[in-house]
Amino acid sequence: MLKVLITDDEQMICNLIANILDWEDMGFRIIGMANTGTDAFDIIQKEKPDVVISDIRMPGYDGIQLIQKTAEAGIQAVFVMISGYKQFEYAQNAMKYGVKYYLLKPISEEKLRETMMEIGRELDVKQQKIVEERHLRRQVQEARDKMKRRFLTTVLAANEKDNLESDISRNAVNAEYNTEFKDGEYRAVFVKVDIRGAVGKSAEYLQDKIEQYVEKFGKDFSESISTYTHSGIVVLFNYKNEDEEEIKRKIEELWTDLDDYVKNFEGFSVVIGVSEATGQFKETRKCIVESMDAVKYRIKNPESKILYYDEFDYQRRPVGTIITPVKRQNYLAKIESGSAEDAAACIDEAVRMIRYEITNYSPVMLYDTLI
């Protein structure tokens, strides 16, 4: 129901207005009465009524001042001004603040009813418009987010050794994908949730919560796009150069929020990989790959929960130097023959070569070997 506040310096008038109509039958509810403008404003601030029926002349704030104070407070209420004086100046002043309902004392039941019915219709139309605008904004935002994610998906699908085309324009990407990339720095974070044991509905709840925390994380950046991969959620974001220290704080805050929540579920833990920052838009794919690789570094750094790619200097070689074409063919032959033990022995040999023959080897090589 629509909320109504009645304010008049005469309590008798307030009681008359409150009892002259069947308010609930008309879709209204009286939330209070006041005999001074200051008391009325206190109630307005607390209750935020939809309609205020107010005398023009009252102690404290008069009717015009009450309208002004309510507008300054950002509270949208429909005012119905009542007065025992046919003074056009008052009506004019009230009209300056958008007031179009003006009643004279003695108050006519019929006129009050007509006025309230008209206000009811007006507010219904206004509410419907708000609902429609909110729905439209949501549709536009969903379409925009979908286009933005399509850009991120395109970047992820690119060949691993490639960045974006060297001649690609940031402005062209903004135009095609409805993104808002600007001058500054680019980074990516990769949020990986580890699950030990059976996966139930907890994983679904956790995924929803991760999305909420990631949205909170990205809302203050120039641009932020996130999407799920098969093993986690990747976030590409763009920020001002001078915000570098703030970025690290926000990443730590993201991990803390996620870790606090994940602790509620047995068998779940979270780790975050962070790419090196770059000022080159064409290197955004490199950022994404680095954030994912940083998570893999935990093989050598099991206690780390936030791993920054640029804090490590591991040696990485192409997997082809470890698993040569001959060894690969031998490995596939073992699999095709159904000899699981022999196939596992081939993998063990490759892992041993990485771990013991390559100084300061990159953990990513172990993943590349298995893939």
Protein backbone atom coordinates (compact mmCIF):
# COMPACT_ATOMS: atom_id res chain seq x y z
CA MET A 1 0.00 0.00 0.00
CA LEU A 2 1.05 3.60 -0.57
CA LYS A 3 2.14 5.39 2.60
CA VAL A 4 0.49 8.70 3.58
CA LEU A 5 1.64 11.29 6.13
CA ILE A 6 -0.84 13.92 7.36
CA THR A 7 0.53 17.16 8.82
CA ASP A 8 -1.45 20.16 10.09
CA ASP A 9 -1.02 22.43 13.09
CA GLU A 10 -4.57 21.54 14.13
CA GLN A 11 -4.87 17.96 15.38
CA MET A 12 -8.59 18.07 14.66
CA ILE A 13 -7.87 18.57 10.96
CA CYS A 14 -5.41 15.66 10.99
CA ASN A 15 -8.04 13.41 12.59
CA LEU A 16 -10.67 14.56 10.10
CA ILE A 17 -8.48 13.72 7.11
CA ALA A 18 -7.51 10.38 8.62
CA ASN A 19 -11.15 9.36 9.14
CA ILE A 20 -12.96 10.94 6.22
CA LEU A 21 -11.96 8.22 3.73
CA ASP A 22 -11.54 4.45 3.72
CA TRP A 23 -7.85 4.73 2.99
CA GLU A 24 -7.01 1.03 2.82
CA ASP A 25 -9.85 0.40 0.39
CA MET A 26 -8.23 2.99 -1.90
CA GLY A 27 -4.78 1.41 -1.56
CA PHE A 28 -3.31 3.83 1.01
CA ARG A 29 -2.09 3.50 4.59
CA ILE A 30 -1.77 6.36 7.11
CA ILE A 31 1.71 6.07 8.65
CA GLY A 32 1.56 9.08 10.95
CA MET A 33 0.45 12.60 11.79
CA ALA A 34 2.42 15.72 12.71
CA ASN A 35 1.46 19.17 13.97
CA THR A 36 4.68 20.99 13.05
CA GLY A 37 6.80 21.08 9.94
CA THR A 38 9.90 19.94 11.82
CA ASP A 39 8.10 16.89 13.25
CA ALA A 40 6.72 16.16 9.79
CA PHE A 41 10.21 16.27 8.27
CA ASP A 42 11.53 13.87 10.91
CA ILE A 43 8.80 11.38 9.96
CA ILE A 44 9.46 11.92 6.25
CA GLN A 45 13.14 11.11 6.70
CA LYS A 46 12.36 7.98 8.69
CA GLU A 47 9.31 6.59 6.87
CA LYS A 48 9.76 8.02 3.35
CA PRO A 49 6.02 8.34 2.61
CA ASP A 50 4.65 8.23 -0.92
CA VAL A 51 2.17 11.06 -0.22
CA VAL A 52 2.31 14.01 2.21
CA ILE A 53 -0.89 15.93 2.91
CA SER A 54 0.35 19.15 4.45
CA ASP A 55 -1.03 22.49 5.60
CA ILE A 56 0.80 25.43 4.06
CA ARG A 57 1.05 27.39 7.32
CA MET A 58 2.56 25.49 10.26
CA PRO A 59 5.05 26.19 13.05
CA GLY A 60 8.60 25.03 12.46
CA TYR A 61 8.84 24.53 8.70
CA ASP A 62 5.88 25.84 6.76
CA GLY A 63 4.46 23.80 3.89
CA ILE A 64 6.75 25.33 1.26
CA GLN A 65 9.85 24.82 3.40
CA LEU A 66 8.78 21.23 4.08
CA ILE A 67 8.55 20.57 0.33
CA GLN A 68 11.98 22.13 -0.17
CA LYS A 69 13.62 20.16 2.66
CA THR A 70 12.12 16.91 1.38
CA ALA A 71 13.41 17.56 -2.13
CA GLU A 72 16.87 18.45 -0.81
CA ALA A 73 16.92 15.14 1.10
CA GLY A 74 16.36 13.29 -2.17
CA ILE A 75 13.01 11.88 -1.01
CA GLN A 76 10.36 11.64 -3.70
CA ALA A 77 6.93 12.25 -2.24
CA VAL A 78 3.75 13.64 -3.79
CA PHE A 79 2.59 16.68 -1.82
CA VAL A 80 -1.05 17.71 -1.40
CA MET A 81 -1.14 21.25 -0.01
CA ILE A 82 -4.13 22.42 2.06
CA SER A 83 -4.91 25.93 3.25
CA GLY A 84 -7.69 28.06 4.59
CA TYR A 85 -6.51 30.98 2.50
CA LYS A 86 -7.09 31.59 -1.18
CA GLN A 87 -3.65 33.01 -1.68
CA PHE A 88 -2.34 32.36 -5.18
CA GLU A 89 1.21 33.21 -4.07
CA TYR A 90 1.34 30.07 -1.93
CA ALA A 91 0.11 27.92 -4.80
CA GLN A 92 2.68 29.45 -7.10
CA ASN A 93 5.52 28.77 -4.67
CA ALA A 94 4.39 25.17 -4.23
CA MET A 95 4.17 24.71 -8.01
CA LYS A 96 7.86 25.66 -8.29
CA TYR A 97 8.65 22.38 -6.55
CA GLY A 98 6.40 20.28 -8.75
CA VAL A 99 3.33 20.36 -6.49
CA LYS A 100 0.11 20.16 -8.50
CA TYR A 101 -2.42 19.14 -5.83
CA TYR A 102 -3.90 22.00 -3.81
CA LEU A 103 -6.97 21.80 -1.55
CA LEU A 104 -8.88 24.46 0.35
CA LYS A 105 -10.36 24.23 3.83
CA PRO A 106 -12.95 23.12 4.72
CA ILE A 107 -11.82 19.93 3.06
CA SER A 108 -14.36 18.29 0.82
CA GLU A 109 -14.57 14.51 1.10
CA GLU A 110 -15.34 14.25 -2.60
CA LYS A 111 -12.46 16.50 -3.62
CA LEU A 112 -10.02 14.67 -1.33
CA ARG A 113 -11.16 11.33 -2.73
CA GLU A 114 -10.76 12.52 -6.32
CA THR A 115 -7.30 13.88 -5.54
CA MET A 116 -6.11 10.68 -3.87
CA MET A 117 -7.49 8.50 -6.65
CA GLU A 118 -5.63 10.61 -9.20
CA ILE A 119 -2.45 10.39 -7.14
CA GLY A 120 -2.89 6.62 -6.90
CA ARG A 121 -3.13 6.36 -10.68
CA GLU A 122 -0.14 8.65 -11.12
CA LEU A 123 2.02 6.61 -8.76
CA ASP A 124 0.91 3.34 -10.37
CA VAL A 125 2.05 4.63 -13.76
CA LYS A 126 5.28 5.92 -12.24
CA GLN A 127 5.98 2.58 -10.54
CA GLN A 128 5.26 0.66 -13.72
CA LYS A 129 7.65 2.94 -15.59
CA ILE A 130 10.33 2.32 -12.95
CA VAL A 131 9.85 -1.44 -13.25
CA GLU A 132 10.04 -1.28 -17.05
CA GLU A 133 13.15 0.94 -16.97
CA ARG A 134 14.82 -1.39 -14.45
CA HIS A 135 13.99 -4.37 -16.64
CA LEU A 136 15.34 -2.58 -19.71
CA ARG A 137 18.55 -1.61 -17.89
CA ARG A 138 18.99 -5.21 -16.78
CA GLN A 139 18.52 -6.46 -20.34
CA VAL A 140 21.00 -3.90 -21.67
CA GLN A 141 23.52 -4.81 -18.97
CA GLU A 142 23.12 -8.54 -19.60
CA ALA A 143 23.62 -7.99 -23.34
CA ARG A 144 26.67 -5.84 -22.65
CA ASP A 145 28.15 -8.40 -20.25
CA LYS A 146 27.56 -11.14 -22.80
CA MET A 147 29.41 -9.16 -25.48
CA LYS A 148 32.27 -8.44 -23.09
CA ARG A 149 32.59 -12.11 -22.18
CA ARG A 150 32.64 -12.92 -25.89
CA PHE A 151 35.79 -10.80 -26.21
CA LEU A 152 37.40 -12.69 -23.33
CA THR A 153 36.37 -16.02 -24.86
CA THR A 154 37.90 -14.94 -28.17
CA VAL A 155 41.17 -14.07 -26.44
CA LEU A 156 41.23 -17.40 -24.60
CA ALA A 157 40.60 -19.30 -27.82
CA ALA A 158 43.56 -17.69 -29.58
CA ASN A 159 46.67 -19.71 -30.28
CA GLU A 160 48.73 -20.01 -27.11
CA LYS A 161 51.86 -18.45 -28.60
CA ASP A 162 49.96 -15.44 -29.95
CA ASN A 163 48.82 -12.24 -28.35
CA LEU A 164 46.19 -10.09 -29.99
CA GLU A 165 46.97 -9.01 -33.53
CA SER A 166 49.62 -6.31 -33.40
CA ASP A 167 47.53 -3.88 -35.42
CA ILE A 168 44.34 -4.37 -33.41
CA SER A 169 42.90 -1.17 -32.02
CA ARG A 170 41.66 -0.89 -28.47
CA ASN A 171 39.00 1.48 -29.77
CA ALA A 172 37.92 -1.12 -32.34
CA VAL A 173 37.55 -3.73 -29.57
CA ASN A 174 35.55 -1.27 -27.48
CA ALA A 175 33.26 -0.60 -30.42
CA GLU A 176 32.78 -4.26 -31.36
CA TYR A 177 32.43 -5.77 -27.89
CA ASN A 178 30.96 -2.80 -25.99
CA THR A 179 33.96 -2.76 -23.64
CA GLU A 180 35.44 0.35 -22.02
CA PHE A 181 39.18 -0.29 -22.07
CA LYS A 182 41.25 2.86 -21.48
CA ASP A 183 44.87 3.97 -21.21
CA GLY A 184 46.61 2.49 -18.19
CA GLU A 185 47.60 -0.98 -16.98
CA TYR A 186 46.15 -4.41 -17.72
CA ARG A 187 46.28 -7.46 -15.47
CA ALA A 188 44.49 -10.75 -15.06
CA VAL A 189 43.70 -12.85 -12.02
CA PHE A 190 42.74 -16.51 -12.07
CA VAL A 191 40.61 -17.79 -9.20
CA LYS A 192 41.02 -21.54 -8.72
CA VAL A 193 38.85 -23.42 -6.25
CA ASP A 194 40.20 -26.83 -5.30
CA ILE A 195 37.74 -29.55 -4.36
CA ARG A 196 38.75 -32.56 -2.33
CA GLY A 197 36.14 -35.28 -2.26
CA ALA A 198 32.70 -35.58 -3.83
CA VAL A 199 31.14 -32.58 -5.55
CA GLY A 200 27.59 -31.80 -4.42
CA LYS A 201 25.33 -28.77 -4.36
CA SER A 202 27.98 -26.94 -2.33
CA ALA A 203 29.93 -26.41 -5.55
CA GLU A 204 26.92 -24.68 -7.14
CA TYR A 205 26.47 -22.36 -4.15
CA LEU A 206 30.18 -21.63 -4.17
CA GLN A 207 30.16 -20.73 -7.86
CA ASP A 208 27.39 -18.17 -7.31
CA LYS A 209 29.29 -16.64 -4.41
CA ILE A 210 32.51 -16.45 -6.39
CA GLU A 211 30.67 -14.50 -9.08
CA GLN A 212 29.44 -12.02 -6.45
CA TYR A 213 32.91 -11.49 -5.00
CA VAL A 214 34.47 -11.15 -8.47
CA GLU A 215 31.82 -8.57 -9.40
CA LYS A 216 32.62 -6.65 -6.22
CA PHE A 217 36.34 -6.90 -7.02
CA GLY A 218 35.93 -5.48 -10.54
CA LYS A 219 33.37 -2.74 -10.00
CA ASP A 220 35.89 0.10 -9.41
CA PHE A 221 38.16 -0.61 -12.40
CA SER A 222 38.09 1.21 -15.74
CA GLU A 223 37.00 -2.15 -17.18
CA SER A 224 36.67 -5.66 -15.80
CA ILE A 225 35.56 -8.84 -17.60
CA SER A 226 35.26 -12.30 -16.11
CA THR A 227 34.38 -15.72 -17.45
CA TYR A 228 34.55 -19.33 -16.35
CA THR A 229 37.08 -21.78 -17.75
CA HIS A 230 37.03 -25.53 -17.16
CA SER A 231 39.03 -25.11 -13.95
CA GLY A 232 38.23 -21.67 -12.51
CA ILE A 233 37.27 -18.10 -13.21
CA VAL A 234 39.53 -15.64 -15.01
CA VAL A 235 39.23 -11.86 -14.64
CA LEU A 236 40.83 -9.37 -17.02
CA PHE A 237 40.87 -5.80 -15.72
CA ASN A 238 42.13 -2.38 -16.73
CA TYR A 239 43.13 0.32 -14.24
CA LYS A 240 45.01 3.58 -13.82
CA ASN A 241 48.81 3.42 -13.47
CA GLU A 242 48.74 5.20 -10.11
CA ASP A 243 46.42 2.54 -8.61
CA GLU A 244 49.05 -0.24 -8.55
CA GLU A 245 49.28 -0.49 -4.75
CA GLU A 246 45.50 -0.36 -4.43
CA ILE A 247 45.25 -3.26 -6.89
CA LYS A 248 47.33 -5.50 -4.63
CA ARG A 249 45.15 -4.56 -1.68
CA LYS A 250 42.00 -5.40 -3.62
CA ILE A 251 43.45 -8.77 -4.72
CA GLU A 252 44.24 -9.62 -1.11
CA GLU A 253 40.72 -8.54 -0.13
CA LEU A 254 39.27 -10.78 -2.85
CA TRP A 255 41.21 -13.80 -1.58
CA THR A 256 40.23 -13.07 2.04
CA ASP A 257 36.53 -12.78 1.14
CA LEU A 258 36.65 -16.03 -0.82
CA ASP A 259 38.68 -17.89 1.77
CA ASP A 260 36.36 -16.82 4.59
CA TYR A 261 33.40 -18.10 2.63
CA VAL A 262 35.05 -21.30 1.40
CA LYS A 263 35.88 -22.27 4.98
CA ASN A 264 32.17 -22.92 5.48
CA PHE A 265 32.39 -25.91 3.13
CA GLU A 266 34.43 -28.99 3.90
CA GLY A 267 36.91 -30.02 1.25
CA PHE A 268 37.18 -26.65 -0.56
CA SER A 269 40.13 -24.24 -0.78
CA VAL A 270 40.95 -21.29 -3.00
CA VAL A 271 44.12 -19.96 -4.64
CA ILE A 272 44.61 -16.92 -6.87
CA GLY A 273 47.14 -16.45 -9.67
CA VAL A 274 48.05 -12.89 -10.71
CA SER A 275 49.66 -11.90 -13.99
CA GLU A 276 52.33 -9.31 -14.55
CA ALA A 277 50.99 -5.83 -15.34
CA THR A 278 51.32 -4.51 -18.87
CA GLY A 279 50.55 -1.20 -20.49
CA GLN A 280 50.06 -2.85 -23.88
CA PHE A 281 46.48 -3.75 -24.78
CA LYS A 282 47.64 -6.35 -27.30
CA GLU A 283 49.25 -8.31 -24.44
CA THR A 284 45.99 -9.00 -22.62
CA ARG A 285 46.06 -12.68 -23.66
CA LYS A 286 49.55 -12.93 -22.19
CA CYS A 287 48.12 -11.61 -18.93
CA ILE A 288 45.46 -14.31 -18.89
CA VAL A 289 47.97 -17.10 -19.58
CA GLU A 290 50.32 -15.77 -16.89
CA SER A 291 47.54 -15.71 -14.28
CA MET A 292 46.75 -19.36 -15.01
CA ASP A 293 50.43 -20.33 -15.02
CA ALA A 294 50.93 -18.56 -11.68
CA VAL A 295 48.39 -20.90 -10.08
CA LYS A 296 50.45 -23.86 -11.34
CA TYR A 297 53.47 -22.50 -9.47
CA ARG A 298 51.93 -23.71 -6.21
CA ILE A 299 53.49 -27.14 -6.96
CA LYS A 300 56.71 -25.56 -5.71
CA ASN A 301 54.96 -23.12 -3.36
CA PRO A 302 52.23 -25.13 -1.62
CA GLU A 303 51.75 -22.61 1.20
CA SER A 304 51.15 -19.63 -1.10
CA LYS A 305 47.54 -18.63 -1.69
CA ILE A 306 48.17 -15.59 -3.91
CA LEU A 307 50.87 -16.19 -6.51
CA TYR A 308 52.20 -13.29 -8.57
CA TYR A 309 53.69 -14.44 -11.87
CA ASP A 310 56.40 -11.76 -11.88
CA GLU A 311 57.71 -12.77 -8.44
CA PHE A 312 59.13 -16.03 -9.84
CA ASP A 313 61.92 -16.60 -12.34
CA TYR A 314 61.46 -20.19 -13.40
CA GLN A 315 63.15 -21.73 -16.44
CA ARG A 316 60.63 -22.95 -18.97
CA ARG A 317 61.38 -24.99 -22.07
CA PRO A 318 59.03 -26.23 -24.80
CA VAL A 319 57.64 -29.60 -23.83
CA GLY A 320 58.91 -30.95 -27.16
CA THR A 321 62.45 -30.84 -25.80
CA ILE A 322 61.41 -33.28 -23.09
CA ILE A 323 58.96 -35.49 -24.93
CA THR A 324 60.57 -35.87 -28.34
CA PRO A 325 58.50 -37.19 -31.28
CA VAL A 326 60.05 -40.64 -30.74
CA LYS A 327 59.17 -40.66 -27.04
CA ARG A 328 55.68 -39.38 -27.78
CA GLN A 329 55.10 -42.16 -30.31
CA ASN A 330 56.37 -44.70 -27.78
CA TYR A 331 54.06 -43.27 -25.13
CA LEU A 332 51.03 -43.47 -27.45
CA ALA A 333 51.95 -47.05 -28.38
CA LYS A 334 51.95 -48.00 -24.69
CA ILE A 335 48.49 -46.48 -24.26
CA GLU A 336 47.11 -48.18 -27.37
CA SER A 337 48.47 -51.53 -26.21
CA GLY A 338 46.60 -51.12 -22.94
CA SER A 339 49.77 -51.15 -20.87
CA ALA A 340 48.96 -48.57 -18.20
CA GLU A 341 52.11 -49.32 -16.19
CA ASP A 342 54.39 -48.78 -19.19
CA ALA A 343 52.56 -45.56 -20.11
CA ALA A 344 52.92 -44.30 -16.53
CA ALA A 345 56.64 -45.15 -16.67
CA CYS A 346 57.00 -42.91 -19.75
CA ILE A 347 55.40 -40.01 -17.89
CA ASP A 348 57.55 -40.66 -14.81
CA GLU A 349 60.65 -40.48 -16.96
CA ALA A 350 59.60 -37.12 -18.42
CA VAL A 351 58.81 -35.73 -14.96
CA ARG A 352 62.18 -36.90 -13.63
CA MET A 353 63.97 -35.18 -16.52
CA ILE A 354 62.21 -31.91 -15.72
CA ARG A 355 62.76 -32.09 -11.98
CA TYR A 356 66.37 -33.26 -11.91
CA GLU A 357 67.94 -32.14 -15.19
CA ILE A 358 66.52 -28.62 -15.56
CA THR A 359 67.77 -26.08 -13.04
CA ASN A 360 64.97 -24.00 -11.52
CA TYR A 361 62.38 -25.65 -13.75
CA SER A 362 58.96 -24.08 -14.24
CA PRO A 363 56.10 -26.07 -12.68
CA VAL A 364 54.13 -25.30 -15.84
CA MET A 365 56.32 -27.80 -17.66
CA LEU A 366 54.88 -30.60 -15.55
CA TYR A 367 51.39 -29.65 -16.65
CA ASP A 368 52.52 -29.37 -20.28
CA THR A 369 54.04 -32.83 -20.06
CA LEU A 370 50.81 -34.39 -18.78
CA ILE A 371 48.75 -32.61 -21.42
